[in-house]
Amino acid sequence: MDIKKKIMFILIISLVFVSFIIYLNFVNSSNSDLSHDTEDCININSESIDSLKVSDLELPDKVYTFLAGADTKNFELYLEKHYTYLIYIELVTPHNITNMKICIWDPDGEVFKIFESEMFFNPEYGRFFEIPFGTVMSGDYIFEFCANAPTNFNLHIIIEQGPECLHDKIDSQEPDNIILYKVNRFSNGDYIDHDVDLETDMMYKFYIGRVSAIAITQNNEVRITYKIEDPNGIEFDIYNNELIADIDGLNSFSFGTAIEGEYIIKLTVYCNVPNVNIAYVIVEDYEIGDVIDANETKPVESTSFIEEAEEELDDASANLPTEMVVGTLISVFGISGVALTALMVHRKRSGVDVNIRKLHK
């Protein structure tokens, strides 16, 4: 009887253990299916990229079918540095999407969560979206489109190259006068500085803007601290932890220099997302003055009236044609000769008169 009880006890324990293992596997499987629906974009590698990979020179412009539930489409694309790429998505079947997310991994493996929203065929404003993304470096980027929908649907996806970052927002003439042009990736609290040679008494325009989109579900506040240090070590505060414009806007200011030399541009970025791309430009605008320093101005030497007259006469004669100068000299000498001859004749006649008068006496 004891042996039977032991066997039954072992069987019960084994059954409970097997049931517990089956339950854990079921829970893990369910969580893995839902994790892509409820969490942000997960880490991805090249092994998870499916047959949608395109060649280095091609960008997608095609309609793709997404299956009901959670479905994902991945693209590996070669992008050029410092360009804005436009990601266009449009729902082309009469369905609703509970959630659509777009994430991008740059060549360094850093993730950008650029879009998250529901989509619907009607009204029309929920049917399509255009999301910009500015690049820091050239290389292979991974695009992930994650959808969650109650039914199958078709989505038109277009990715195309746009203008160079910020070039569409500054004056068309100014790119010819660019002194500094940078596009860099920042995480929260990242600091960077640049040395740039600037001329004295010159006005420069500074532009700065965010070039990577941030999903509406994320905190899209990006703040900057911007300082300029001149060659003498004097620091000028421009922005101090100030909120910058969103991706459709632009921050700009003008800065006039007092001395020439190497200036240091100091930039710190604060954000609430893993990464954000920032572009900034310095453009030469115009010369402020004639660069006359009152402390170095020499006193004006006084000149006499005669010296000034001689200088003016010399300047006037220098500007006259050669023929006019020769003619003038001939006229002067001619008039002088006639006057001298008349004077001599007059003196001779006066002498004859005197002699005649003496003879009469």
Protein backbone atom coordinates (compact mmCIF):
# COMPACT_ATOMS: atom_id res chain seq x y z
CA MET A 1 0.00 0.00 0.00
CA ASP A 2 2.83 2.40 0.72
CA ILE A 3 4.37 1.69 -2.66
CA LYS A 4 1.14 2.54 -4.47
CA LYS A 5 0.82 5.81 -2.56
CA LYS A 6 4.38 6.78 -3.47
CA ILE A 7 3.76 6.01 -7.15
CA MET A 8 0.56 8.08 -7.14
CA PHE A 9 2.34 10.96 -5.40
CA ILE A 10 5.16 10.91 -7.98
CA LEU A 11 2.66 10.85 -10.86
CA ILE A 12 0.71 13.79 -9.43
CA ILE A 13 3.89 15.82 -8.89
CA SER A 14 5.06 15.05 -12.45
CA LEU A 15 1.70 16.02 -13.92
CA VAL A 16 1.69 19.32 -12.03
CA PHE A 17 5.27 20.08 -13.16
CA VAL A 18 4.49 19.33 -16.82
CA SER A 19 1.35 21.46 -16.66
CA PHE A 20 3.36 24.34 -15.18
CA ILE A 21 5.98 24.11 -17.99
CA ILE A 22 3.25 24.11 -20.66
CA TYR A 23 1.65 27.17 -19.04
CA LEU A 24 4.94 29.09 -18.99
CA ASN A 25 5.55 28.35 -22.67
CA PHE A 26 2.06 29.54 -23.53
CA VAL A 27 2.51 32.80 -21.58
CA ASN A 28 5.89 33.51 -23.17
CA SER A 29 4.50 32.84 -26.63
CA SER A 30 1.59 35.18 -26.02
CA ASN A 31 3.84 37.91 -24.68
CA SER A 32 6.18 37.65 -27.65
CA ASP A 33 3.23 38.08 -30.01
CA LEU A 34 1.98 41.15 -28.15
CA SER A 35 5.32 42.80 -27.43
CA HIS A 36 5.63 44.14 -30.96
CA ASP A 37 2.13 45.60 -30.70
CA THR A 38 2.41 47.38 -27.37
CA GLU A 39 6.08 48.33 -27.06
CA ASP A 40 8.22 50.67 -29.10
CA CYS A 41 10.43 49.41 -31.89
CA ILE A 42 12.71 46.63 -30.68
CA ASN A 43 16.34 46.02 -31.58
CA ILE A 44 16.71 44.59 -35.04
CA ASN A 45 19.50 42.96 -37.00
CA SER A 46 20.11 42.03 -40.59
CA GLU A 47 18.91 38.44 -40.05
CA SER A 48 15.34 39.67 -39.48
CA ILE A 49 15.18 41.53 -42.80
CA ASP A 50 12.93 39.68 -45.22
CA SER A 51 12.67 39.60 -48.99
CA LEU A 52 11.75 43.30 -49.12
CA LYS A 53 15.44 44.29 -49.17
CA VAL A 54 16.16 46.48 -52.19
CA SER A 55 19.33 47.38 -54.05
CA ASP A 56 21.61 50.19 -52.92
CA LEU A 57 20.32 52.63 -55.51
CA GLU A 58 16.60 51.88 -55.30
CA LEU A 59 14.08 53.39 -52.92
CA PRO A 60 10.65 51.78 -52.53
CA ASP A 61 7.56 53.07 -54.29
CA LYS A 62 5.07 50.20 -54.06
CA VAL A 63 1.90 48.90 -52.43
CA TYR A 64 2.44 46.21 -49.77
CA THR A 65 -0.06 43.87 -48.10
CA PHE A 66 -0.14 43.69 -44.30
CA LEU A 67 -1.91 40.78 -42.68
CA ALA A 68 -4.44 41.02 -39.87
CA GLY A 69 -2.99 41.25 -36.38
CA ALA A 70 0.66 42.20 -35.99
CA ASP A 71 2.65 42.38 -39.21
CA THR A 72 5.99 43.95 -40.07
CA LYS A 73 7.77 45.02 -43.24
CA ASN A 74 11.53 45.79 -43.16
CA PHE A 75 13.73 47.54 -45.70
CA GLU A 76 17.51 47.91 -45.82
CA LEU A 77 18.33 51.02 -47.84
CA TYR A 78 21.49 52.94 -48.67
CA LEU A 79 21.09 56.63 -47.82
CA GLU A 80 23.47 59.53 -48.48
CA LYS A 81 24.63 61.79 -45.66
CA HIS A 82 23.16 65.24 -44.96
CA TYR A 83 20.02 64.67 -47.03
CA THR A 84 16.38 64.77 -45.98
CA TYR A 85 14.47 61.62 -46.93
CA LEU A 86 10.67 61.71 -47.11
CA ILE A 87 8.73 58.64 -45.99
CA TYR A 88 5.21 58.66 -47.45
CA ILE A 89 2.56 56.13 -46.38
CA GLU A 90 -1.02 55.91 -47.67
CA LEU A 91 -3.80 53.48 -46.83
CA VAL A 92 -5.22 52.31 -50.18
CA THR A 93 -7.91 49.87 -49.00
CA PRO A 94 -11.04 50.85 -47.00
CA HIS A 95 -9.79 49.63 -43.64
CA ASN A 96 -8.62 50.97 -40.31
CA ILE A 97 -5.23 50.41 -38.69
CA THR A 98 -5.18 50.28 -34.93
CA ASN A 99 -1.52 51.26 -34.77
CA MET A 100 1.21 51.98 -37.32
CA LYS A 101 4.81 52.56 -36.19
CA ILE A 102 7.93 53.44 -38.16
CA CYS A 103 11.43 53.08 -36.75
CA ILE A 104 14.80 53.64 -38.41
CA TRP A 105 18.21 52.24 -37.46
CA ASP A 106 21.21 54.20 -38.74
CA PRO A 107 24.54 52.57 -39.79
CA ASP A 108 25.74 52.76 -36.16
CA GLY A 109 22.72 50.78 -34.99
CA GLU A 110 21.10 53.77 -33.24
CA VAL A 111 17.30 53.81 -33.34
CA PHE A 112 14.96 56.69 -34.27
CA LYS A 113 11.26 56.37 -33.47
CA ILE A 114 9.87 58.69 -36.13
CA PHE A 115 6.17 57.81 -36.37
CA GLU A 116 3.33 56.18 -34.40
CA SER A 117 -0.36 56.70 -35.06
CA GLU A 118 -3.60 55.00 -35.99
CA MET A 119 -4.69 55.24 -39.63
CA PHE A 120 -8.15 55.20 -41.20
CA PHE A 121 -9.49 55.45 -44.73
CA ASN A 122 -12.22 57.96 -43.85
CA PRO A 123 -12.03 60.85 -43.23
CA GLU A 124 -9.22 61.47 -45.69
CA TYR A 125 -6.83 63.24 -43.32
CA GLY A 126 -6.14 59.95 -41.52
CA ARG A 127 -5.40 58.11 -44.75
CA PHE A 128 -1.85 59.29 -45.50
CA PHE A 129 1.20 60.80 -43.76
CA GLU A 130 4.59 62.20 -44.82
CA ILE A 131 7.48 61.90 -42.35
CA PRO A 132 10.90 63.55 -42.90
CA PHE A 133 14.21 62.07 -41.78
CA GLY A 134 17.58 63.83 -42.15
CA THR A 135 20.73 61.71 -42.25
CA VAL A 136 24.05 62.27 -40.48
CA MET A 137 26.14 59.71 -42.37
CA SER A 138 26.07 57.67 -45.55
CA GLY A 139 25.42 53.95 -45.26
CA ASP A 140 22.82 51.22 -44.88
CA TYR A 141 19.72 52.19 -42.90
CA ILE A 142 17.04 49.76 -41.73
CA PHE A 143 13.39 50.88 -41.96
CA GLU A 144 10.79 48.96 -39.94
CA PHE A 145 7.05 49.40 -40.57
CA CYS A 146 5.02 47.75 -37.78
CA ALA A 147 1.25 47.50 -38.17
CA ASN A 148 -1.56 46.19 -35.99
CA ALA A 149 -4.97 45.92 -37.66
CA PRO A 150 -8.14 43.81 -37.27
CA THR A 151 -8.16 42.92 -40.99
CA ASN A 152 -5.78 42.58 -43.90
CA PHE A 153 -5.00 45.90 -45.66
CA ASN A 154 -2.80 47.40 -48.37
CA LEU A 155 -0.39 50.27 -47.72
CA HIS A 156 1.44 52.37 -50.32
CA ILE A 157 5.01 53.08 -49.15
CA ILE A 158 7.26 55.66 -50.83
CA ILE A 159 10.73 56.66 -49.65
CA GLU A 160 12.42 59.38 -51.69
CA GLN A 161 15.44 61.65 -51.38
CA GLY A 162 14.65 65.30 -50.72
CA PRO A 163 16.88 68.40 -50.42
CA GLU A 164 20.01 68.70 -48.32
CA CYS A 165 19.18 69.29 -44.67
CA LEU A 166 18.07 72.91 -43.99
CA HIS A 167 18.80 74.01 -47.58
CA ASP A 168 15.08 74.24 -48.27
CA LYS A 169 14.62 76.59 -45.30
CA ILE A 170 17.38 79.17 -45.84
CA ASP A 171 17.65 81.79 -48.58
CA SER A 172 18.59 80.40 -51.97
CA GLN A 173 21.65 82.69 -52.25
CA GLU A 174 23.05 81.87 -48.83
CA PRO A 175 24.41 78.35 -49.53
CA ASP A 176 27.12 80.05 -51.63
CA ASN A 177 28.38 81.83 -48.49
CA ILE A 178 28.33 78.91 -46.05
CA ILE A 179 31.19 78.99 -43.51
CA LEU A 180 30.14 75.93 -41.47
CA TYR A 181 27.64 73.15 -42.27
CA LYS A 182 27.09 70.18 -39.94
CA VAL A 183 24.49 67.48 -39.29
CA ASN A 184 25.03 65.45 -36.11
CA ARG A 185 23.24 62.88 -33.98
CA PHE A 186 22.57 63.76 -30.34
CA SER A 187 21.36 61.88 -27.31
CA ASN A 188 20.20 63.64 -24.15
CA GLY A 189 22.95 65.91 -22.79
CA ASP A 190 25.39 65.41 -25.66
CA TYR A 191 27.89 68.27 -26.16
CA ILE A 192 29.88 69.17 -29.29
CA ASP A 193 32.05 72.11 -30.33
CA HIS A 194 33.55 73.36 -33.59
CA ASP A 195 36.39 75.75 -34.42
CA VAL A 196 35.61 78.19 -37.20
CA ASP A 197 37.61 81.13 -38.61
CA LEU A 198 35.60 84.36 -38.79
CA GLU A 199 36.56 87.80 -40.10
CA THR A 200 36.36 91.01 -38.12
CA ASP A 201 33.47 93.49 -38.44
CA MET A 202 31.42 90.93 -40.34
CA MET A 203 27.79 89.93 -39.80
CA TYR A 204 27.06 86.20 -39.84
CA LYS A 205 23.75 84.32 -39.83
CA PHE A 206 23.40 81.18 -37.73
CA TYR A 207 20.73 78.53 -38.42
CA ILE A 208 19.84 75.46 -36.39
CA GLY A 209 17.04 72.93 -36.83
CA ARG A 210 15.88 69.43 -35.98
CA VAL A 211 15.88 67.22 -39.10
CA SER A 212 14.60 63.86 -37.76
CA ALA A 213 10.93 63.38 -36.94
CA ILE A 214 9.76 62.21 -33.50
CA ALA A 215 6.66 60.05 -33.06
CA ILE A 216 3.68 61.87 -31.57
CA THR A 217 3.55 59.33 -28.75
CA GLN A 218 7.04 60.42 -27.66
CA ASN A 219 7.99 63.62 -25.85
CA ASN A 220 9.23 65.67 -28.78
CA GLU A 221 10.70 68.59 -26.80
CA VAL A 222 14.28 69.29 -27.86
CA ARG A 223 16.22 71.99 -26.02
CA ILE A 224 19.62 73.48 -26.78
CA THR A 225 22.33 75.51 -25.11
CA TYR A 226 24.31 77.48 -27.70
CA LYS A 227 27.42 79.55 -26.90
CA ILE A 228 30.05 81.33 -29.01
CA GLU A 229 33.58 81.97 -27.72
CA ASP A 230 35.74 84.55 -29.53
CA PRO A 231 39.55 84.36 -30.01
CA ASN A 232 40.09 86.32 -26.76
CA GLY A 233 38.15 83.75 -24.74
CA ILE A 234 35.09 85.97 -24.31
CA GLU A 235 31.93 83.84 -24.30
CA PHE A 236 28.58 84.93 -25.71
CA ASP A 237 25.38 83.17 -24.56
CA ILE A 238 22.89 82.68 -27.40
CA TYR A 239 20.48 79.99 -26.17
CA ASN A 240 20.36 78.61 -22.64
CA ASN A 241 18.38 75.37 -22.45
CA GLU A 242 15.81 76.83 -24.83
CA LEU A 243 13.18 74.91 -26.77
CA ILE A 244 13.95 74.77 -30.50
CA ALA A 245 11.42 74.70 -33.31
CA ASP A 246 9.84 71.44 -34.44
CA ILE A 247 10.93 69.69 -37.61
CA ASP A 248 8.93 72.06 -39.83
CA GLY A 249 10.52 75.16 -38.27
CA LEU A 250 13.95 76.73 -37.89
CA ASN A 251 15.88 78.75 -35.31
CA SER A 252 18.14 81.56 -36.52
CA PHE A 253 20.08 84.56 -35.20
CA SER A 254 22.67 87.10 -36.40
CA PHE A 255 26.09 87.64 -34.83
CA GLY A 256 28.54 90.46 -35.62
CA THR A 257 32.24 90.01 -34.92
CA ALA A 258 34.61 92.54 -33.33
CA ILE A 259 37.86 90.71 -34.07
CA GLU A 260 39.05 88.14 -36.55
CA GLY A 261 40.35 84.72 -35.66
CA GLU A 262 39.25 81.29 -34.46
CA TYR A 263 35.83 81.20 -32.79
CA ILE A 264 34.48 78.17 -30.89
CA ILE A 265 30.86 77.13 -31.44
CA LYS A 266 29.57 75.22 -28.38
CA LEU A 267 26.35 73.22 -28.64
CA THR A 268 24.56 71.03 -26.06
CA VAL A 269 21.30 69.20 -26.85
CA TYR A 270 18.71 67.89 -24.41
CA CYS A 271 15.99 65.47 -25.58
CA ASN A 272 13.59 62.82 -24.26
CA VAL A 273 14.12 60.27 -27.02
CA PRO A 274 17.07 57.94 -27.69
CA ASN A 275 18.40 59.98 -30.60
CA VAL A 276 17.70 63.13 -32.59
CA ASN A 277 19.50 64.56 -35.64
CA ILE A 278 20.31 68.29 -35.60
CA ALA A 279 21.61 70.38 -38.52
CA TYR A 280 23.30 73.76 -38.08
CA VAL A 281 24.77 76.30 -40.51
CA ILE A 282 26.85 79.50 -40.38
CA VAL A 283 26.51 81.86 -43.35
CA GLU A 284 28.53 85.01 -44.10
CA ASP A 285 26.03 87.87 -44.45
CA TYR A 286 27.62 91.31 -44.93
CA GLU A 287 30.50 93.58 -43.86
CA ILE A 288 29.45 95.85 -41.00
CA GLY A 289 31.90 98.79 -41.32
CA ASP A 290 35.21 100.06 -42.73
CA VAL A 291 37.22 98.61 -39.80
CA ILE A 292 38.50 101.98 -38.51
CA ASP A 293 39.68 101.71 -34.91
CA ALA A 294 39.50 105.01 -32.99
CA ASN A 295 42.39 103.94 -30.75
CA GLU A 296 44.66 103.39 -33.75
CA THR A 297 43.62 106.35 -35.94
CA LYS A 298 46.56 108.68 -36.84
CA PRO A 299 46.09 112.51 -36.51
CA VAL A 300 45.55 114.38 -39.77
CA GLU A 301 48.60 116.53 -40.68
CA SER A 302 47.82 120.21 -41.43
CA THR A 303 48.81 121.63 -44.80
CA SER A 304 49.15 125.25 -45.95
CA PHE A 305 46.79 126.87 -48.42
CA ILE A 306 49.55 127.12 -51.03
CA GLU A 307 50.42 123.45 -50.72
CA GLU A 308 46.79 122.52 -51.09
CA ALA A 309 46.47 124.76 -54.16
CA GLU A 310 49.60 123.26 -55.72
CA GLU A 311 48.25 119.75 -55.08
CA GLU A 312 44.92 120.66 -56.62
CA LEU A 313 46.68 122.22 -59.64
CA ASP A 314 48.84 119.14 -60.06
CA ASP A 315 45.79 116.90 -59.81
CA ALA A 316 43.91 119.04 -62.35
CA SER A 317 46.79 119.10 -64.81
CA ALA A 318 47.28 115.37 -64.42
CA ASN A 319 43.71 114.79 -65.52
CA LEU A 320 43.93 117.06 -68.62
CA PRO A 321 44.59 115.58 -72.07
CA THR A 322 48.10 116.02 -73.47
CA GLU A 323 46.86 118.08 -76.45
CA MET A 324 45.10 120.52 -74.15
CA VAL A 325 48.17 120.94 -71.98
CA VAL A 326 50.43 121.64 -75.03
CA GLY A 327 47.91 124.10 -76.49
CA THR A 328 47.61 125.92 -73.21
CA LEU A 329 51.38 126.27 -72.90
CA ILE A 330 51.68 127.63 -76.49
CA SER A 331 48.93 130.16 -75.80
CA VAL A 332 50.56 131.27 -72.56
CA PHE A 333 53.97 131.66 -74.21
CA GLY A 334 52.40 133.51 -77.20
CA ILE A 335 50.52 135.98 -75.04
CA SER A 336 53.62 136.53 -72.92
CA GLY A 337 55.72 137.20 -76.07
CA VAL A 338 53.22 139.73 -77.48
CA ALA A 339 53.08 141.55 -74.14
CA LEU A 340 56.88 141.67 -73.89
CA THR A 341 57.23 143.01 -77.46
CA ALA A 342 54.65 145.73 -76.83
CA LEU A 343 56.46 146.74 -73.67
CA MET A 344 59.81 147.03 -75.48
CA VAL A 345 58.31 149.15 -78.33
CA HIS A 346 56.70 151.45 -75.78
CA ARG A 347 60.01 152.01 -74.02
CA LYS A 348 61.79 152.91 -77.32
CA ARG A 349 59.12 155.47 -78.24
CA SER A 350 59.39 157.07 -74.82
CA GLY A 351 63.16 157.48 -75.27
CA VAL A 352 62.79 159.20 -78.71
CA ASP A 353 60.32 161.72 -77.31
CA VAL A 354 62.71 162.70 -74.57
CA ASN A 355 65.58 163.28 -77.03
CA ILE A 356 63.40 165.47 -79.32
CA ARG A 357 62.42 167.67 -76.43
CA LYS A 358 66.07 168.16 -75.46
CA LEU A 359 66.96 169.25 -79.02
CA HIS A 360 64.17 171.85 -79.10
CA LYS A 361 65.46 173.45 -76.01
